[in-house]
Amino acid sequence: MTRTLLAATLLLSFAAPAVAGGAAAPVTQVQPGTPAAVMAALKAAGYKVTMEPAQADRDPTMTFTSGGHEVQVWLSSCKNGVCSRATASTSWDYSDAEDLDTGLVNEWNSTYYTQAYAYEGSYYLDSTLAIRGGFTQATVKAWIADYLDDVSAFEDELPGD
């Protein structure tokens, strides 16, 4: 009897987190690294996403706007409709400036996981998420939230007008 009671108690204690609050815990489903799945994850995170028209010589690309920033998300290393990486990118046009501050870029890159660079009169901030083998919607939501935090922080570091 003691063994049966102990076994039942252990079973219930392990099962309890799955039914906390009387409802079944949400199931985290791994999504394939396809453009449609990435787009669906961004939409589930609350963004209005637009898929760019497919082009034979270009990686699948989508855009959304958040906090006044246009974010491009492109997928790369795609084979048979499944991609290995998703990269978010935002840019700021400084083409009227004489020179771009590469010291700012180097300082940023020594401190943050996002990658900043200056190219043809603009500053860029990129972040890449490995999606080969799949991802969850929660992962994409957290990745984009962290990226957008860095976008705001990087923008605060940019030269004023």
C-alpha atoms as a PDB file:
ATOM      1  CA  MET A   1       0.000   0.000   0.000  1.00  0.00           C
ATOM      2  CA  THR A   2       2.813   2.412   0.880  1.00  0.00           C
ATOM      3  CA  ARG A   3       4.525   1.736  -2.461  1.00  0.00           C
ATOM      4  CA  THR A   4       1.277   2.332  -4.358  1.00  0.00           C
ATOM      5  CA  LEU A   5       0.660   5.592  -2.522  1.00  0.00           C
ATOM      6  CA  LEU A   6       4.265   6.709  -3.136  1.00  0.00           C
ATOM      7  CA  ALA A   7       4.029   5.831  -6.836  1.00  0.00           C
ATOM      8  CA  ALA A   8       0.731   7.734  -7.180  1.00  0.00           C
ATOM      9  CA  THR A   9       2.182  10.778  -5.388  1.00  0.00           C
ATOM     10  CA  LEU A  10       5.245  10.799  -7.640  1.00  0.00           C
ATOM     11  CA  LEU A  11       3.105  10.425 -10.750  1.00  0.00           C
ATOM     12  CA  LEU A  12       0.880  13.332  -9.739  1.00  0.00           C
ATOM     13  CA  SER A  13       3.824  15.553  -8.777  1.00  0.00           C
ATOM     14  CA  PHE A  14       5.431  15.056 -12.194  1.00  0.00           C
ATOM     15  CA  ALA A  15       2.134  15.550 -14.008  1.00  0.00           C
ATOM     16  CA  ALA A  16       1.058  18.639 -12.028  1.00  0.00           C
ATOM     17  CA  PRO A  17       3.056  21.230 -14.021  1.00  0.00           C
ATOM     18  CA  ALA A  18       1.403  20.028 -17.223  1.00  0.00           C
ATOM     19  CA  VAL A  19      -2.063  20.744 -15.852  1.00  0.00           C
ATOM     20  CA  ALA A  20      -1.383  23.764 -13.634  1.00  0.00           C
ATOM     21  CA  GLY A  21      -4.440  25.955 -13.296  1.00  0.00           C
ATOM     22  CA  GLY A  22      -6.699  23.156 -14.479  1.00  0.00           C
ATOM     23  CA  ALA A  23      -5.756  23.546 -18.145  1.00  0.00           C
ATOM     24  CA  ALA A  24      -3.380  21.553 -20.248  1.00  0.00           C
ATOM     25  CA  ALA A  25      -0.013  23.216 -20.818  1.00  0.00           C
ATOM     26  CA  PRO A  26       0.467  24.629 -24.321  1.00  0.00           C
ATOM     27  CA  VAL A  27       2.255  22.313 -26.690  1.00  0.00           C
ATOM     28  CA  THR A  28       5.340  23.850 -28.277  1.00  0.00           C
ATOM     29  CA  GLN A  29       5.428  22.739 -31.867  1.00  0.00           C
ATOM     30  CA  VAL A  30       8.610  22.869 -33.924  1.00  0.00           C
ATOM     31  CA  GLN A  31       8.036  24.584 -37.261  1.00  0.00           C
ATOM     32  CA  PRO A  32      10.055  23.836 -40.412  1.00  0.00           C
ATOM     33  CA  GLY A  33      12.444  26.512 -41.677  1.00  0.00           C
ATOM     34  CA  THR A  34      10.173  27.544 -44.549  1.00  0.00           C
ATOM     35  CA  PRO A  35       9.262  31.087 -45.605  1.00  0.00           C
ATOM     36  CA  ALA A  36       5.586  30.392 -44.819  1.00  0.00           C
ATOM     37  CA  ALA A  37       6.398  29.142 -41.295  1.00  0.00           C
ATOM     38  CA  VAL A  38       8.642  32.142 -40.522  1.00  0.00           C
ATOM     39  CA  MET A  39       5.963  34.502 -41.817  1.00  0.00           C
ATOM     40  CA  ALA A  40       3.313  32.750 -39.695  1.00  0.00           C
ATOM     41  CA  ALA A  41       5.530  33.010 -36.588  1.00  0.00           C
ATOM     42  CA  LEU A  42       6.030  36.747 -37.127  1.00  0.00           C
ATOM     43  CA  LYS A  43       2.290  37.209 -37.617  1.00  0.00           C
ATOM     44  CA  ALA A  44       1.603  35.184 -34.448  1.00  0.00           C
ATOM     45  CA  ALA A  45       3.985  37.576 -32.643  1.00  0.00           C
ATOM     46  CA  GLY A  46       1.700  40.431 -33.697  1.00  0.00           C
ATOM     47  CA  TYR A  47       3.434  41.893 -36.748  1.00  0.00           C
ATOM     48  CA  LYS A  48       1.788  42.693 -40.070  1.00  0.00           C
ATOM     49  CA  VAL A  49       4.161  40.941 -42.451  1.00  0.00           C
ATOM     50  CA  THR A  50       4.379  41.395 -46.208  1.00  0.00           C
ATOM     51  CA  MET A  51       6.132  38.749 -48.318  1.00  0.00           C
ATOM     52  CA  GLU A  52       8.141  40.236 -51.157  1.00  0.00           C
ATOM     53  CA  PRO A  53       7.457  38.740 -54.602  1.00  0.00           C
ATOM     54  CA  ALA A  54       9.665  35.714 -55.277  1.00  0.00           C
ATOM     55  CA  GLN A  55      12.659  36.295 -57.539  1.00  0.00           C
ATOM     56  CA  ALA A  56      14.850  33.557 -58.954  1.00  0.00           C
ATOM     57  CA  ASP A  57      18.116  35.317 -58.016  1.00  0.00           C
ATOM     58  CA  ARG A  58      17.059  36.510 -54.536  1.00  0.00           C
ATOM     59  CA  ASP A  59      16.494  34.886 -51.153  1.00  0.00           C
ATOM     60  CA  PRO A  60      12.904  34.883 -49.856  1.00  0.00           C
ATOM     61  CA  THR A  61      12.299  38.256 -48.170  1.00  0.00           C
ATOM     62  CA  MET A  62       9.528  39.706 -46.029  1.00  0.00           C
ATOM     63  CA  THR A  63       9.061  43.045 -44.271  1.00  0.00           C
ATOM     64  CA  PHE A  64       7.196  44.439 -41.293  1.00  0.00           C
ATOM     65  CA  THR A  65       7.137  47.740 -39.421  1.00  0.00           C
ATOM     66  CA  SER A  66       7.537  48.174 -35.681  1.00  0.00           C
ATOM     67  CA  GLY A  67       8.019  51.390 -33.741  1.00  0.00           C
ATOM     68  CA  GLY A  68       8.570  53.350 -36.938  1.00  0.00           C
ATOM     69  CA  HIS A  69      11.285  50.995 -38.146  1.00  0.00           C
ATOM     70  CA  GLU A  70      10.975  48.917 -41.293  1.00  0.00           C
ATOM     71  CA  VAL A  71      12.470  45.493 -40.689  1.00  0.00           C
ATOM     72  CA  GLN A  72      13.444  43.232 -43.560  1.00  0.00           C
ATOM     73  CA  VAL A  73      13.659  39.527 -42.833  1.00  0.00           C
ATOM     74  CA  TRP A  74      15.356  37.432 -45.444  1.00  0.00           C
ATOM     75  CA  LEU A  75      15.945  33.719 -45.441  1.00  0.00           C
ATOM     76  CA  SER A  76      19.139  32.151 -46.727  1.00  0.00           C
ATOM     77  CA  SER A  77      20.674  28.825 -47.655  1.00  0.00           C
ATOM     78  CA  CYS A  78      17.290  27.589 -48.865  1.00  0.00           C
ATOM     79  CA  LYS A  79      17.083  24.169 -50.490  1.00  0.00           C
ATOM     80  CA  ASN A  80      13.832  22.512 -51.537  1.00  0.00           C
ATOM     81  CA  GLY A  81      11.848  25.284 -49.826  1.00  0.00           C
ATOM     82  CA  VAL A  82      13.551  24.868 -46.421  1.00  0.00           C
ATOM     83  CA  CYS A  83      16.017  27.516 -45.229  1.00  0.00           C
ATOM     84  CA  SER A  84      18.906  27.504 -42.761  1.00  0.00           C
ATOM     85  CA  ARG A  85      18.878  31.083 -41.473  1.00  0.00           C
ATOM     86  CA  ALA A  86      16.564  34.047 -40.985  1.00  0.00           C
ATOM     87  CA  THR A  87      18.184  37.481 -40.837  1.00  0.00           C
ATOM     88  CA  ALA A  88      16.451  40.645 -39.610  1.00  0.00           C
ATOM     89  CA  SER A  89      17.866  43.923 -40.896  1.00  0.00           C
ATOM     90  CA  THR A  90      17.092  47.603 -40.339  1.00  0.00           C
ATOM     91  CA  SER A  91      18.893  50.556 -41.919  1.00  0.00           C
ATOM     92  CA  TRP A  92      19.289  54.288 -41.402  1.00  0.00           C
ATOM     93  CA  ASP A  93      20.100  56.552 -44.366  1.00  0.00           C
ATOM     94  CA  TYR A  94      23.021  58.905 -43.759  1.00  0.00           C
ATOM     95  CA  SER A  95      23.859  59.490 -47.420  1.00  0.00           C
ATOM     96  CA  ASP A  96      24.018  63.259 -46.760  1.00  0.00           C
ATOM     97  CA  ALA A  97      26.778  62.757 -44.176  1.00  0.00           C
ATOM     98  CA  GLU A  98      30.354  63.218 -45.278  1.00  0.00           C
ATOM     99  CA  ASP A  99      31.611  60.069 -43.540  1.00  0.00           C
ATOM    100  CA  LEU A 100      30.031  57.350 -41.467  1.00  0.00           C
ATOM    101  CA  ASP A 101      31.429  56.696 -38.004  1.00  0.00           C
ATOM    102  CA  THR A 102      33.064  53.267 -38.160  1.00  0.00           C
ATOM    103  CA  GLY A 103      34.190  53.726 -34.545  1.00  0.00           C
ATOM    104  CA  LEU A 104      30.523  53.673 -33.545  1.00  0.00           C
ATOM    105  CA  VAL A 105      30.062  50.421 -35.468  1.00  0.00           C
ATOM    106  CA  ASN A 106      33.159  48.818 -33.944  1.00  0.00           C
ATOM    107  CA  GLU A 107      32.133  49.868 -30.433  1.00  0.00           C
ATOM    108  CA  TRP A 108      28.641  48.423 -30.968  1.00  0.00           C
ATOM    109  CA  ASN A 109      29.955  45.135 -32.319  1.00  0.00           C
ATOM    110  CA  SER A 110      32.247  44.703 -29.316  1.00  0.00           C
ATOM    111  CA  THR A 111      29.291  44.904 -26.934  1.00  0.00           C
ATOM    112  CA  TYR A 112      26.161  43.513 -28.638  1.00  0.00           C
ATOM    113  CA  TYR A 113      25.224  40.274 -30.378  1.00  0.00           C
ATOM    114  CA  THR A 114      23.545  42.108 -33.243  1.00  0.00           C
ATOM    115  CA  GLN A 115      25.896  43.142 -36.027  1.00  0.00           C
ATOM    116  CA  ALA A 116      26.206  46.785 -37.057  1.00  0.00           C
ATOM    117  CA  TYR A 117      27.909  47.973 -40.215  1.00  0.00           C
ATOM    118  CA  ALA A 118      28.169  51.017 -42.453  1.00  0.00           C
ATOM    119  CA  TYR A 119      27.651  50.572 -46.201  1.00  0.00           C
ATOM    120  CA  GLU A 120      27.059  53.034 -49.031  1.00  0.00           C
ATOM    121  CA  GLY A 121      25.866  55.929 -46.880  1.00  0.00           C
ATOM    122  CA  SER A 122      23.731  53.926 -44.462  1.00  0.00           C
ATOM    123  CA  TYR A 123      24.075  52.244 -41.101  1.00  0.00           C
ATOM    124  CA  TYR A 124      22.655  48.723 -40.787  1.00  0.00           C
ATOM    125  CA  LEU A 125      21.847  46.500 -37.848  1.00  0.00           C
ATOM    126  CA  ASP A 126      21.389  42.769 -38.451  1.00  0.00           C
ATOM    127  CA  SER A 127      20.559  39.722 -36.371  1.00  0.00           C
ATOM    128  CA  THR A 128      20.520  36.132 -37.598  1.00  0.00           C
ATOM    129  CA  LEU A 129      18.560  33.202 -36.205  1.00  0.00           C
ATOM    130  CA  ALA A 130      19.496  29.641 -37.172  1.00  0.00           C
ATOM    131  CA  ILE A 131      16.307  27.886 -38.307  1.00  0.00           C
ATOM    132  CA  ARG A 132      17.782  24.741 -39.851  1.00  0.00           C
ATOM    133  CA  GLY A 133      16.124  21.807 -38.163  1.00  0.00           C
ATOM    134  CA  GLY A 134      13.146  23.923 -37.138  1.00  0.00           C
ATOM    135  CA  PHE A 135      12.119  26.584 -34.650  1.00  0.00           C
ATOM    136  CA  THR A 136       9.220  27.462 -32.392  1.00  0.00           C
ATOM    137  CA  GLN A 137       6.996  30.520 -32.628  1.00  0.00           C
ATOM    138  CA  ALA A 138       8.162  31.484 -29.128  1.00  0.00           C
ATOM    139  CA  THR A 139      11.771  31.474 -30.341  1.00  0.00           C
ATOM    140  CA  VAL A 140      10.983  33.810 -33.246  1.00  0.00           C
ATOM    141  CA  LYS A 141       8.955  36.108 -30.988  1.00  0.00           C
ATOM    142  CA  ALA A 142      11.805  36.356 -28.442  1.00  0.00           C
ATOM    143  CA  TRP A 143      14.420  36.825 -31.191  1.00  0.00           C
ATOM    144  CA  ILE A 144      12.525  39.698 -32.808  1.00  0.00           C
ATOM    145  CA  ALA A 145      11.752  41.338 -29.445  1.00  0.00           C
ATOM    146  CA  ASP A 146      15.456  41.277 -28.516  1.00  0.00           C
ATOM    147  CA  TYR A 147      16.388  42.533 -31.988  1.00  0.00           C
ATOM    148  CA  LEU A 148      13.938  45.445 -31.775  1.00  0.00           C
ATOM    149  CA  ASP A 149      15.359  46.378 -28.356  1.00  0.00           C
ATOM    150  CA  ASP A 150      18.793  46.538 -29.982  1.00  0.00           C
ATOM    151  CA  VAL A 151      17.400  48.574 -32.908  1.00  0.00           C
ATOM    152  CA  SER A 152      16.186  51.217 -30.440  1.00  0.00           C
ATOM    153  CA  ALA A 153      19.476  51.174 -28.527  1.00  0.00           C
ATOM    154  CA  PHE A 154      21.530  51.425 -31.742  1.00  0.00           C
ATOM    155  CA  GLU A 155      19.387  54.283 -33.019  1.00  0.00           C
ATOM    156  CA  ASP A 156      20.092  56.155 -29.765  1.00  0.00           C
ATOM    157  CA  GLU A 157      23.828  55.862 -30.554  1.00  0.00           C
ATOM    158  CA  LEU A 158      23.557  57.222 -34.107  1.00  0.00           C
ATOM    159  CA  PRO A 159      24.718  60.770 -34.835  1.00  0.00           C
ATOM    160  CA  GLY A 160      22.000  63.442 -34.477  1.00  0.00           C
ATOM    161  CA  ASP A 161      20.779  65.465 -37.398  1.00  0.00           C
END
